[in-house]
C-alpha atoms as a PDB file:
ATOM      1  CA  MET A   1     101.137  35.169  88.645  1.00  0.00           C
ATOM      2  CA  ARG A   2     103.698  36.439  91.164  1.00  0.00           C
ATOM      3  CA  ILE A   3     102.790  35.905  94.857  1.00  0.00           C
ATOM      4  CA  LEU A   4     103.333  38.917  96.921  1.00  0.00           C
ATOM      5  CA  GLN A   5     106.075  38.606  99.593  1.00  0.00           C
ATOM      6  CA  GLU A   6     106.373  40.363 102.953  1.00  0.00           C
ATOM      7  CA  ASP A   7     108.985  42.616 101.567  1.00  0.00           C
ATOM      8  CA  ASP A   8     106.461  43.952  98.979  1.00  0.00           C
ATOM      9  CA  TYR A   9     104.387  45.628 101.578  1.00  0.00           C
ATOM     10  CA  GLN A  10     105.024  49.163 102.903  1.00  0.00           C
ATOM     11  CA  THR A  11     103.439  50.866 105.907  1.00  0.00           C
ATOM     12  CA  VAL A  12     101.380  53.899 104.873  1.00  0.00           C
ATOM     13  CA  THR A  13     102.294  57.051 106.833  1.00  0.00           C
ATOM     14  CA  ILE A  14     100.814  60.478 107.122  1.00  0.00           C
ATOM     15  CA  GLU A  15     103.482  61.693 104.717  1.00  0.00           C
ATOM     16  CA  HIS A  16     102.384  59.272 102.060  1.00  0.00           C
ATOM     17  CA  ILE A  17      98.791  60.586 102.411  1.00  0.00           C
ATOM     18  CA  LEU A  18      99.939  64.142 102.288  1.00  0.00           C
ATOM     19  CA  THR A  19     102.017  63.466  99.192  1.00  0.00           C
ATOM     20  CA  ALA A  20      99.002  61.730  97.506  1.00  0.00           C
ATOM     21  CA  ARG A  21      96.779  64.669  98.317  1.00  0.00           C
ATOM     22  CA  GLU A  22      99.226  67.140  96.833  1.00  0.00           C
ATOM     23  CA  GLN A  23      99.610  65.056  93.696  1.00  0.00           C
ATOM     24  CA  MET A  24      95.763  64.972  93.250  1.00  0.00           C
ATOM     25  CA  ILE A  25      95.617  68.681  93.749  1.00  0.00           C
ATOM     26  CA  GLN A  26      98.304  69.423  91.348  1.00  0.00           C
ATOM     27  CA  ALA A  27      96.800  66.990  88.737  1.00  0.00           C
ATOM     28  CA  ARG A  28      93.701  68.990  88.652  1.00  0.00           C
ATOM     29  CA  GLU A  29      91.519  66.069  87.741  1.00  0.00           C
ATOM     30  CA  THR A  30      88.422  66.941  85.645  1.00  0.00           C
ATOM     31  CA  HIS A  31      86.010  66.479  88.447  1.00  0.00           C
ATOM     32  CA  LEU A  32      87.913  68.710  90.735  1.00  0.00           C
ATOM     33  CA  ASP A  33      88.789  71.323  88.118  1.00  0.00           C
ATOM     34  CA  ALA A  34      85.200  71.585  87.229  1.00  0.00           C
ATOM     35  CA  LEU A  35      84.427  73.088  90.725  1.00  0.00           C
ATOM     36  CA  SER A  36      86.083  76.413  89.593  1.00  0.00           C
ATOM     37  CA  VAL A  37      83.137  76.992  87.218  1.00  0.00           C
ATOM     38  CA  ARG A  38      80.708  76.934  90.256  1.00  0.00           C
ATOM     39  CA  LEU A  39      82.773  79.530  91.978  1.00  0.00           C
ATOM     40  CA  ARG A  40      81.741  82.124  89.481  1.00  0.00           C
ATOM     41  CA  ASP A  41      78.083  81.776  90.410  1.00  0.00           C
ATOM     42  CA  PRO A  42      77.232  84.691  92.670  1.00  0.00           C
ATOM     43  CA  LYS A  43      75.120  82.343  94.967  1.00  0.00           C
ATOM     44  CA  ILE A  44      77.963  79.992  95.416  1.00  0.00           C
ATOM     45  CA  ARG A  45      80.389  82.876  95.819  1.00  0.00           C
ATOM     46  CA  TYR A  46      78.575  84.318  98.817  1.00  0.00           C
ATOM     47  CA  VAL A  47      78.499  80.999 100.646  1.00  0.00           C
ATOM     48  CA  ILE A  48      82.190  80.181  99.959  1.00  0.00           C
ATOM     49  CA  GLU A  49      83.369  83.683 100.809  1.00  0.00           C
ATOM     50  CA  SER A  50      81.471  83.554 104.182  1.00  0.00           C
ATOM     51  CA  ILE A  51      83.142  80.297 105.014  1.00  0.00           C
ATOM     52  CA  ILE A  52      86.612  81.614 104.151  1.00  0.00           C
ATOM     53  CA  THR A  53      86.202  84.698 106.172  1.00  0.00           C
ATOM     54  CA  GLY A  54      84.349  82.936 108.963  1.00  0.00           C
ATOM     55  CA  ASP A  55      81.374  85.224 108.751  1.00  0.00           C
ATOM     56  CA  SER A  56      78.394  84.626 111.015  1.00  0.00           C
ATOM     57  CA  ASP A  57      75.157  85.213 109.246  1.00  0.00           C
ATOM     58  CA  PRO A  58      71.660  83.968 110.360  1.00  0.00           C
ATOM     59  CA  SER A  59      70.546  83.876 106.688  1.00  0.00           C
ATOM     60  CA  MET A  60      73.087  81.074 106.133  1.00  0.00           C
ATOM     61  CA  ASN A  61      70.919  78.102 107.187  1.00  0.00           C
ATOM     62  CA  ARG A  62      70.211  74.754 105.698  1.00  0.00           C
ATOM     63  CA  SER A  63      66.866  75.909 104.363  1.00  0.00           C
ATOM     64  CA  ASN A  64      68.500  78.700 102.400  1.00  0.00           C
ATOM     65  CA  PRO A  65      68.317  77.763  98.679  1.00  0.00           C
ATOM     66  CA  ASP A  66      71.908  78.961  98.073  1.00  0.00           C
ATOM     67  CA  ILE A  67      73.074  76.765 100.942  1.00  0.00           C
ATOM     68  CA  GLU A  68      71.119  73.855  99.625  1.00  0.00           C
ATOM     69  CA  LEU A  69      72.636  74.278  96.243  1.00  0.00           C
ATOM     70  CA  ALA A  70      76.182  74.327  97.581  1.00  0.00           C
ATOM     71  CA  MET A  71      75.456  71.250  99.807  1.00  0.00           C
ATOM     72  CA  ASP A  72      73.850  69.462  96.853  1.00  0.00           C
ATOM     73  CA  LEU A  73      76.970  70.079  94.840  1.00  0.00           C
ATOM     74  CA  GLY A  74      79.068  68.685  97.481  1.00  0.00           C
ATOM     75  CA  LEU A  75      81.009  71.865  98.072  1.00  0.00           C
ATOM     76  CA  ILE A  76      80.122  72.409 101.623  1.00  0.00           C
ATOM     77  CA  LYS A  77      78.912  70.457 104.723  1.00  0.00           C
ATOM     78  CA  TRP A  78      77.333  71.214 108.042  1.00  0.00           C
ATOM     79  CA  SER A  79      77.858  69.519 111.424  1.00  0.00           C
ATOM     80  CA  SER A  80      77.125  70.624 114.966  1.00  0.00           C
ATOM     81  CA  ASP A  81      80.822  70.701 115.656  1.00  0.00           C
ATOM     82  CA  THR A  82      81.954  73.022 112.747  1.00  0.00           C
ATOM     83  CA  GLY A  83      78.846  74.607 111.410  1.00  0.00           C
ATOM     84  CA  PHE A  84      79.216  75.206 107.667  1.00  0.00           C
ATOM     85  CA  ALA A  85      82.568  74.276 106.185  1.00  0.00           C
ATOM     86  CA  ILE A  86      84.052  73.186 102.965  1.00  0.00           C
ATOM     87  CA  SER A  87      83.264  69.523 102.375  1.00  0.00           C
ATOM     88  CA  ASN A  88      86.655  68.065 102.699  1.00  0.00           C
ATOM     89  CA  PRO A  89      90.381  69.117 102.990  1.00  0.00           C
ATOM     90  CA  ILE A  90      91.031  68.390  99.197  1.00  0.00           C
ATOM     91  CA  TYR A  91      88.157  70.624  98.109  1.00  0.00           C
ATOM     92  CA  GLU A  92      89.327  73.275 100.616  1.00  0.00           C
ATOM     93  CA  GLU A  93      92.759  73.299  99.079  1.00  0.00           C
ATOM     94  CA  ILE A  94      91.408  73.249  95.448  1.00  0.00           C
ATOM     95  CA  LEU A  95      88.996  76.104  96.075  1.00  0.00           C
ATOM     96  CA  THR A  96      91.519  78.277  97.889  1.00  0.00           C
ATOM     97  CA  ARG A  97      94.238  77.666  95.185  1.00  0.00           C
ATOM     98  CA  HIS A  98      91.769  78.464  92.320  1.00  0.00           C
ATOM     99  CA  LEU A  99      90.635  81.714  94.045  1.00  0.00           C
ATOM    100  CA  ASN A 100      94.071  83.001  94.759  1.00  0.00           C
ATOM    101  CA  ALA A 101      95.769  81.673  91.562  1.00  0.00           C
ATOM    102  CA  GLY A 102      95.957  85.166  89.912  1.00  0.00           C
ATOM    103  CA  TYR A 103      97.784  86.456  92.896  1.00  0.00           C
ATOM    104  CA  TYR A 104     100.031  83.498  93.161  1.00  0.00           C
ATOM    105  CA  ASP A 105     100.972  83.584  89.493  1.00  0.00           C
ATOM    106  CA  ASN A 106     101.798  87.397  89.510  1.00  0.00           C
ATOM    107  CA  MET A 107     103.958  87.580  92.650  1.00  0.00           C
ATOM    108  CA  PRO A 108     107.686  88.361  92.407  1.00  0.00           C
ATOM    109  CA  PRO A 109     110.044  85.390  92.702  1.00  0.00           C
ATOM    110  CA  PRO A 110     110.740  84.459  96.352  1.00  0.00           C
ATOM    111  CA  SER A 111     114.460  85.071  95.786  1.00  0.00           C
ATOM    112  CA  THR A 112     113.651  88.812  95.855  1.00  0.00           C
ATOM    113  CA  TRP A 113     112.423  88.534  99.453  1.00  0.00           C
ATOM    114  CA  LYS A 114     114.112  87.980 102.775  1.00  0.00           C
ATOM    115  CA  TRP A 115     112.380  85.022 104.472  1.00  0.00           C
ATOM    116  CA  GLN A 116     115.139  82.378 105.410  1.00  0.00           C
ATOM    117  CA  LYS A 117     117.623  82.345 108.069  1.00  0.00           C
ATOM    118  CA  GLU A 118     121.345  81.433 107.435  1.00  0.00           C
ATOM    119  CA  ASP A 119     120.700  77.801 108.143  1.00  0.00           C
ATOM    120  CA  GLY A 120     117.840  77.711 105.631  1.00  0.00           C
ATOM    121  CA  LYS A 121     115.074  77.660 108.179  1.00  0.00           C
ATOM    122  CA  LEU A 122     111.990  79.941 108.054  1.00  0.00           C
ATOM    123  CA  ASP A 123     112.333  83.371 109.404  1.00  0.00           C
ATOM    124  CA  MET A 124     108.670  84.114 110.001  1.00  0.00           C
ATOM    125  CA  ASP A 125     109.261  87.645 111.381  1.00  0.00           C
ATOM    126  CA  SER A 126     111.062  88.647 108.167  1.00  0.00           C
ATOM    127  CA  LEU A 127     108.467  86.844 105.997  1.00  0.00           C
ATOM    128  CA  LEU A 128     105.517  88.652 107.483  1.00  0.00           C
ATOM    129  CA  ARG A 129     107.381  92.041 107.305  1.00  0.00           C
ATOM    130  CA  GLU A 130     107.890  91.197 103.593  1.00  0.00           C
ATOM    131  CA  PHE A 131     104.117  90.578 103.384  1.00  0.00           C
ATOM    132  CA  GLN A 132     103.388  93.934 104.966  1.00  0.00           C
ATOM    133  CA  ARG A 133     105.618  95.672 102.274  1.00  0.00           C
ATOM    134  CA  PHE A 134     103.906  93.661  99.563  1.00  0.00           C
ATOM    135  CA  TRP A 135     100.410  94.499 100.956  1.00  0.00           C
ATOM    136  CA  ARG A 136     101.416  98.161 100.988  1.00  0.00           C
ATOM    137  CA  SER A 137     102.496  98.156  97.287  1.00  0.00           C
ATOM    138  CA  HIS A 138      99.802  95.904  95.740  1.00  0.00           C
ATOM    139  CA  SER A 139      96.702  95.446  97.890  1.00  0.00           C
ATOM    140  CA  GLU A 140      94.714  98.454  96.726  1.00  0.00           C
ATOM    141  CA  ILE A 141      95.199  97.783  93.040  1.00  0.00           C
ATOM    142  CA  TRP A 142      94.750  94.092  93.185  1.00  0.00           C
ATOM    143  CA  GLU A 143      91.628  94.327  95.379  1.00  0.00           C
ATOM    144  CA  GLU A 144      89.905  96.414  92.668  1.00  0.00           C
ATOM    145  CA  LYS A 145      90.183  93.326  90.376  1.00  0.00           C
ATOM    146  CA  SER A 146      88.944  90.781  92.917  1.00  0.00           C
ATOM    147  CA  ASP A 147      85.687  89.023  92.807  1.00  0.00           C
ATOM    148  CA  TYR A 148      85.879  87.827  96.371  1.00  0.00           C
ATOM    149  CA  THR A 149      86.470  91.139  97.930  1.00  0.00           C
ATOM    150  CA  GLU A 150      85.516  90.215 101.493  1.00  0.00           C
ATOM    151  CA  ALA A 151      87.946  87.274 101.445  1.00  0.00           C
ATOM    152  CA  PHE A 152      90.633  89.232  99.484  1.00  0.00           C
ATOM    153  CA  PRO A 153      93.091  89.518 102.517  1.00  0.00           C
ATOM    154  CA  HIS A 154      92.881  85.827 103.247  1.00  0.00           C
ATOM    155  CA  LEU A 155      93.343  84.820  99.666  1.00  0.00           C
ATOM    156  CA  LEU A 156      96.353  87.233  99.141  1.00  0.00           C
ATOM    157  CA  LEU A 157      98.141  86.108 102.272  1.00  0.00           C
ATOM    158  CA  THR A 158      97.627  82.402 101.524  1.00  0.00           C
ATOM    159  CA  ALA A 159      98.892  83.046  97.971  1.00  0.00           C
ATOM    160  CA  PHE A 160     101.894  84.801  99.353  1.00  0.00           C
ATOM    161  CA  LEU A 161     102.695  81.893 101.704  1.00  0.00           C
ATOM    162  CA  GLN A 162     102.090  79.282  99.017  1.00  0.00           C
ATOM    163  CA  ARG A 163     104.471  81.151  96.706  1.00  0.00           C
ATOM    164  CA  LEU A 164     107.334  80.887  99.167  1.00  0.00           C
ATOM    165  CA  LEU A 165     106.729  77.519 100.744  1.00  0.00           C
ATOM    166  CA  ASN A 166     105.594  75.330  97.822  1.00  0.00           C
ATOM    167  CA  GLY A 167     107.795  72.307  97.675  1.00  0.00           C
ATOM    168  CA  GLY A 168     109.545  73.050 100.935  1.00  0.00           C
ATOM    169  CA  GLY A 169     106.846  73.207 103.546  1.00  0.00           C
ATOM    170  CA  ARG A 170     103.183  72.487 104.316  1.00  0.00           C
ATOM    171  CA  ILE A 171     100.312  74.922 104.890  1.00  0.00           C
ATOM    172  CA  ASP A 172      97.156  73.641 106.731  1.00  0.00           C
ATOM    173  CA  ARG A 173      94.124  75.855 107.026  1.00  0.00           C
ATOM    174  CA  GLU A 174      90.980  75.694 109.166  1.00  0.00           C
ATOM    175  CA  VAL A 175      87.978  77.730 107.958  1.00  0.00           C
ATOM    176  CA  ALA A 176      84.288  77.529 108.836  1.00  0.00           C
ATOM    177  CA  ALA A 177      81.440  80.009 108.855  1.00  0.00           C
ATOM    178  CA  GLY A 178      80.782  81.574 112.216  1.00  0.00           C
ATOM    179  CA  ARG A 179      84.233  81.245 113.559  1.00  0.00           C
ATOM    180  CA  GLY A 180      85.163  84.874 112.632  1.00  0.00           C
ATOM    181  CA  ARG A 181      88.697  84.005 111.389  1.00  0.00           C
ATOM    182  CA  MET A 182      91.018  81.726 109.324  1.00  0.00           C
ATOM    183  CA  ASP A 183      93.544  79.594 111.176  1.00  0.00           C
ATOM    184  CA  ILE A 184      96.744  78.561 109.491  1.00  0.00           C
ATOM    185  CA  CYS A 185      99.437  76.139 110.617  1.00  0.00           C
ATOM    186  CA  ILE A 186     102.838  76.184 108.696  1.00  0.00           C
ATOM    187  CA  GLU A 187     105.361  73.387 108.907  1.00  0.00           C
ATOM    188  CA  TYR A 188     108.812  74.059 107.477  1.00  0.00           C
ATOM    189  CA  MET A 189     111.872  72.061 108.119  1.00  0.00           C
ATOM    190  CA  GLU A 190     110.229  70.391 111.100  1.00  0.00           C
ATOM    191  CA  GLU A 191     109.309  73.723 112.650  1.00  0.00           C
ATOM    192  CA  LYS A 192     105.731  74.876 113.100  1.00  0.00           C
ATOM    193  CA  PHE A 193     104.264  78.377 113.050  1.00  0.00           C
ATOM    194  CA  VAL A 194     100.638  79.351 113.821  1.00  0.00           C
ATOM    195  CA  ILE A 195      98.908  82.322 112.020  1.00  0.00           C
ATOM    196  CA  GLU A 196      95.380  83.611 112.569  1.00  0.00           C
ATOM    197  CA  ILE A 197      93.709  86.117 110.259  1.00  0.00           C
ATOM    198  CA  LYS A 198      91.039  88.540 111.593  1.00  0.00           C
ATOM    199  CA  LEU A 199      89.185  91.320 109.882  1.00  0.00           C
ATOM    200  CA  VAL A 200      88.087  94.596 111.381  1.00  0.00           C
ATOM    201  CA  ARG A 201      84.985  95.695 109.470  1.00  0.00           C
ATOM    202  CA  GLN A 202      83.063  99.129 109.626  1.00  0.00           C
ATOM    203  CA  ARG A 203      80.777  97.971 112.417  1.00  0.00           C
ATOM    204  CA  ASP A 204      83.619  96.479 114.495  1.00  0.00           C
ATOM    205  CA  ASN A 205      85.562  97.660 117.573  1.00  0.00           C
ATOM    206  CA  PRO A 206      89.228  97.063 116.752  1.00  0.00           C
ATOM    207  CA  GLU A 207      90.228  96.409 120.327  1.00  0.00           C
ATOM    208  CA  ASN A 208      87.521  93.772 120.812  1.00  0.00           C
ATOM    209  CA  ILE A 209      88.551  92.034 117.618  1.00  0.00           C
ATOM    210  CA  GLN A 210      92.112  91.949 118.674  1.00  0.00           C
ATOM    211  CA  LYS A 211      91.170  90.501 122.111  1.00  0.00           C
ATOM    212  CA  ASP A 212      89.044  87.881 120.447  1.00  0.00           C
ATOM    213  CA  GLY A 213      91.967  87.100 118.106  1.00  0.00           C
ATOM    214  CA  LEU A 214      94.443  86.681 120.941  1.00  0.00           C
ATOM    215  CA  ARG A 215      92.064  84.352 122.778  1.00  0.00           C
ATOM    216  CA  GLN A 216      91.288  82.285 119.651  1.00  0.00           C
ATOM    217  CA  ILE A 217      94.876  81.935 118.456  1.00  0.00           C
ATOM    218  CA  SER A 218      95.973  80.780 121.906  1.00  0.00           C
ATOM    219  CA  ALA A 219      93.335  78.030 121.839  1.00  0.00           C
ATOM    220  CA  TYR A 220      94.243  77.044 118.203  1.00  0.00           C
ATOM    221  CA  SER A 221      97.900  77.006 119.017  1.00  0.00           C
ATOM    222  CA  ASP A 222      97.442  74.804 122.100  1.00  0.00           C
ATOM    223  CA  LYS A 223      95.512  72.308 119.850  1.00  0.00           C
ATOM    224  CA  VAL A 224      97.838  72.035 116.834  1.00  0.00           C
ATOM    225  CA  ALA A 225     101.322  73.335 117.872  1.00  0.00           C
ATOM    226  CA  PRO A 226     101.807  74.004 121.595  1.00  0.00           C
ATOM    227  CA  GLY A 227     104.747  76.386 122.081  1.00  0.00           C
ATOM    228  CA  ALA A 228     105.014  77.258 118.419  1.00  0.00           C
ATOM    229  CA  PRO A 229     105.570  80.949 117.393  1.00  0.00           C
ATOM    230  CA  ALA A 230     102.099  82.544 116.944  1.00  0.00           C
ATOM    231  CA  TYR A 231     101.096  85.416 114.822  1.00  0.00           C
ATOM    232  CA  LEU A 232      97.764  87.295 114.771  1.00  0.00           C
ATOM    233  CA  ILE A 233      97.331  89.258 111.500  1.00  0.00           C
ATOM    234  CA  VAL A 234      94.628  91.881 111.644  1.00  0.00           C
ATOM    235  CA  PHE A 235      93.352  93.556 108.501  1.00  0.00           C
ATOM    236  CA  ASP A 236      91.566  96.729 109.285  1.00  0.00           C
ATOM    237  CA  ARG A 237      88.939  97.266 106.472  1.00  0.00           C
ATOM    238  CA  ARG A 238      87.299 100.411 107.924  1.00  0.00           C
ATOM    239  CA  ASN A 239      86.932 103.347 105.678  1.00  0.00           C
ATOM    240  CA  GLU A 240      88.555 105.744 108.272  1.00  0.00           C
ATOM    241  CA  THR A 241      91.562 103.448 108.370  1.00  0.00           C
ATOM    242  CA  LYS A 242      91.996 103.378 104.618  1.00  0.00           C
ATOM    243  CA  GLU A 243      92.142 107.185 104.668  1.00  0.00           C
ATOM    244  CA  LYS A 244      95.293 106.982 106.909  1.00  0.00           C
ATOM    245  CA  SER A 245      98.852 106.925 105.647  1.00  0.00           C
ATOM    246  CA  TRP A 246     100.485 103.530 105.233  1.00  0.00           C
ATOM    247  CA  ASP A 247     102.887 104.304 108.096  1.00  0.00           C
ATOM    248  CA  GLU A 248      99.897 104.576 110.408  1.00  0.00           C
ATOM    249  CA  ARG A 249      98.044 101.580 109.022  1.00  0.00           C
ATOM    250  CA  LEU A 250     100.829  99.029 109.258  1.00  0.00           C
ATOM    251  CA  SER A 251     101.924  97.920 112.761  1.00  0.00           C
ATOM    252  CA  TRP A 252     103.926  95.257 114.575  1.00  0.00           C
ATOM    253  CA  THR A 253     103.402  94.650 118.359  1.00  0.00           C
ATOM    254  CA  ALA A 254     103.695  91.710 120.819  1.00  0.00           C
ATOM    255  CA  GLU A 255     100.857  90.647 123.161  1.00  0.00           C
ATOM    256  CA  ASP A 256     101.088  87.705 125.481  1.00  0.00           C
ATOM    257  CA  ASN A 257     103.879  86.121 123.480  1.00  0.00           C
ATOM    258  CA  ILE A 258     101.795  86.486 120.293  1.00  0.00           C
ATOM    259  CA  THR A 259     103.076  88.816 117.530  1.00  0.00           C
ATOM    260  CA  VAL A 260     100.250  91.066 116.256  1.00  0.00           C
ATOM    261  CA  VAL A 261     100.693  92.180 112.651  1.00  0.00           C
ATOM    262  CA  GLY A 262      98.492  95.101 111.548  1.00  0.00           C
ATOM    263  CA  CYS A 263      97.638  95.653 107.903  1.00  0.00           C
END
């Protein structure tokens, strides 16, 4: 039997952990892959969709049978700090990738889009303008085929980002029921970018939603990437907005050093 020497040991870094996580996700082990079956259950779908969109709903409480089922299955957790959230980062990634797989698989090759600078670094402005064009061309048709219609904007955008950045960058998400948003931090070639997704629904005041979003993304940016370029993406889901022309619906403005992207 060989005795281990000092040179046989290697310090485990955060990069090792992230690589191992990605390998597990890509391997789609049986116990992880089986989670996709649960996502077709309407009871589970409502719970997961509410967490992805950040919905606040008093009926989502720990005595709700649907919540109890999702917790018993190990899909979600509750804590006083986060409220209801996906049980762990690996499940969060597995669930998101499963739900947006159809979008991911059917997107055009990244080579057809402008999203890199001459030095190979990420041009986030160009990337999100490409997404606006993609949203304009495909969102209405693709949404008709979506099971998770409330979370459709979140899932399509994350699929778009994954399609471009897989293998060259990292996307970290923060989602939890009651937060009213999805937060995303992108790291590409040692640069970080912060994105926040907000929805404007029929009952909402769009100005208030944007104000909340600006305040929330500032706090998130200060926590994960101070000084990084920040983008607030607002999806206006109101019926009256959908009746407008695409030129009216899509917008691009700057507020307090934050780029606000309207879709």
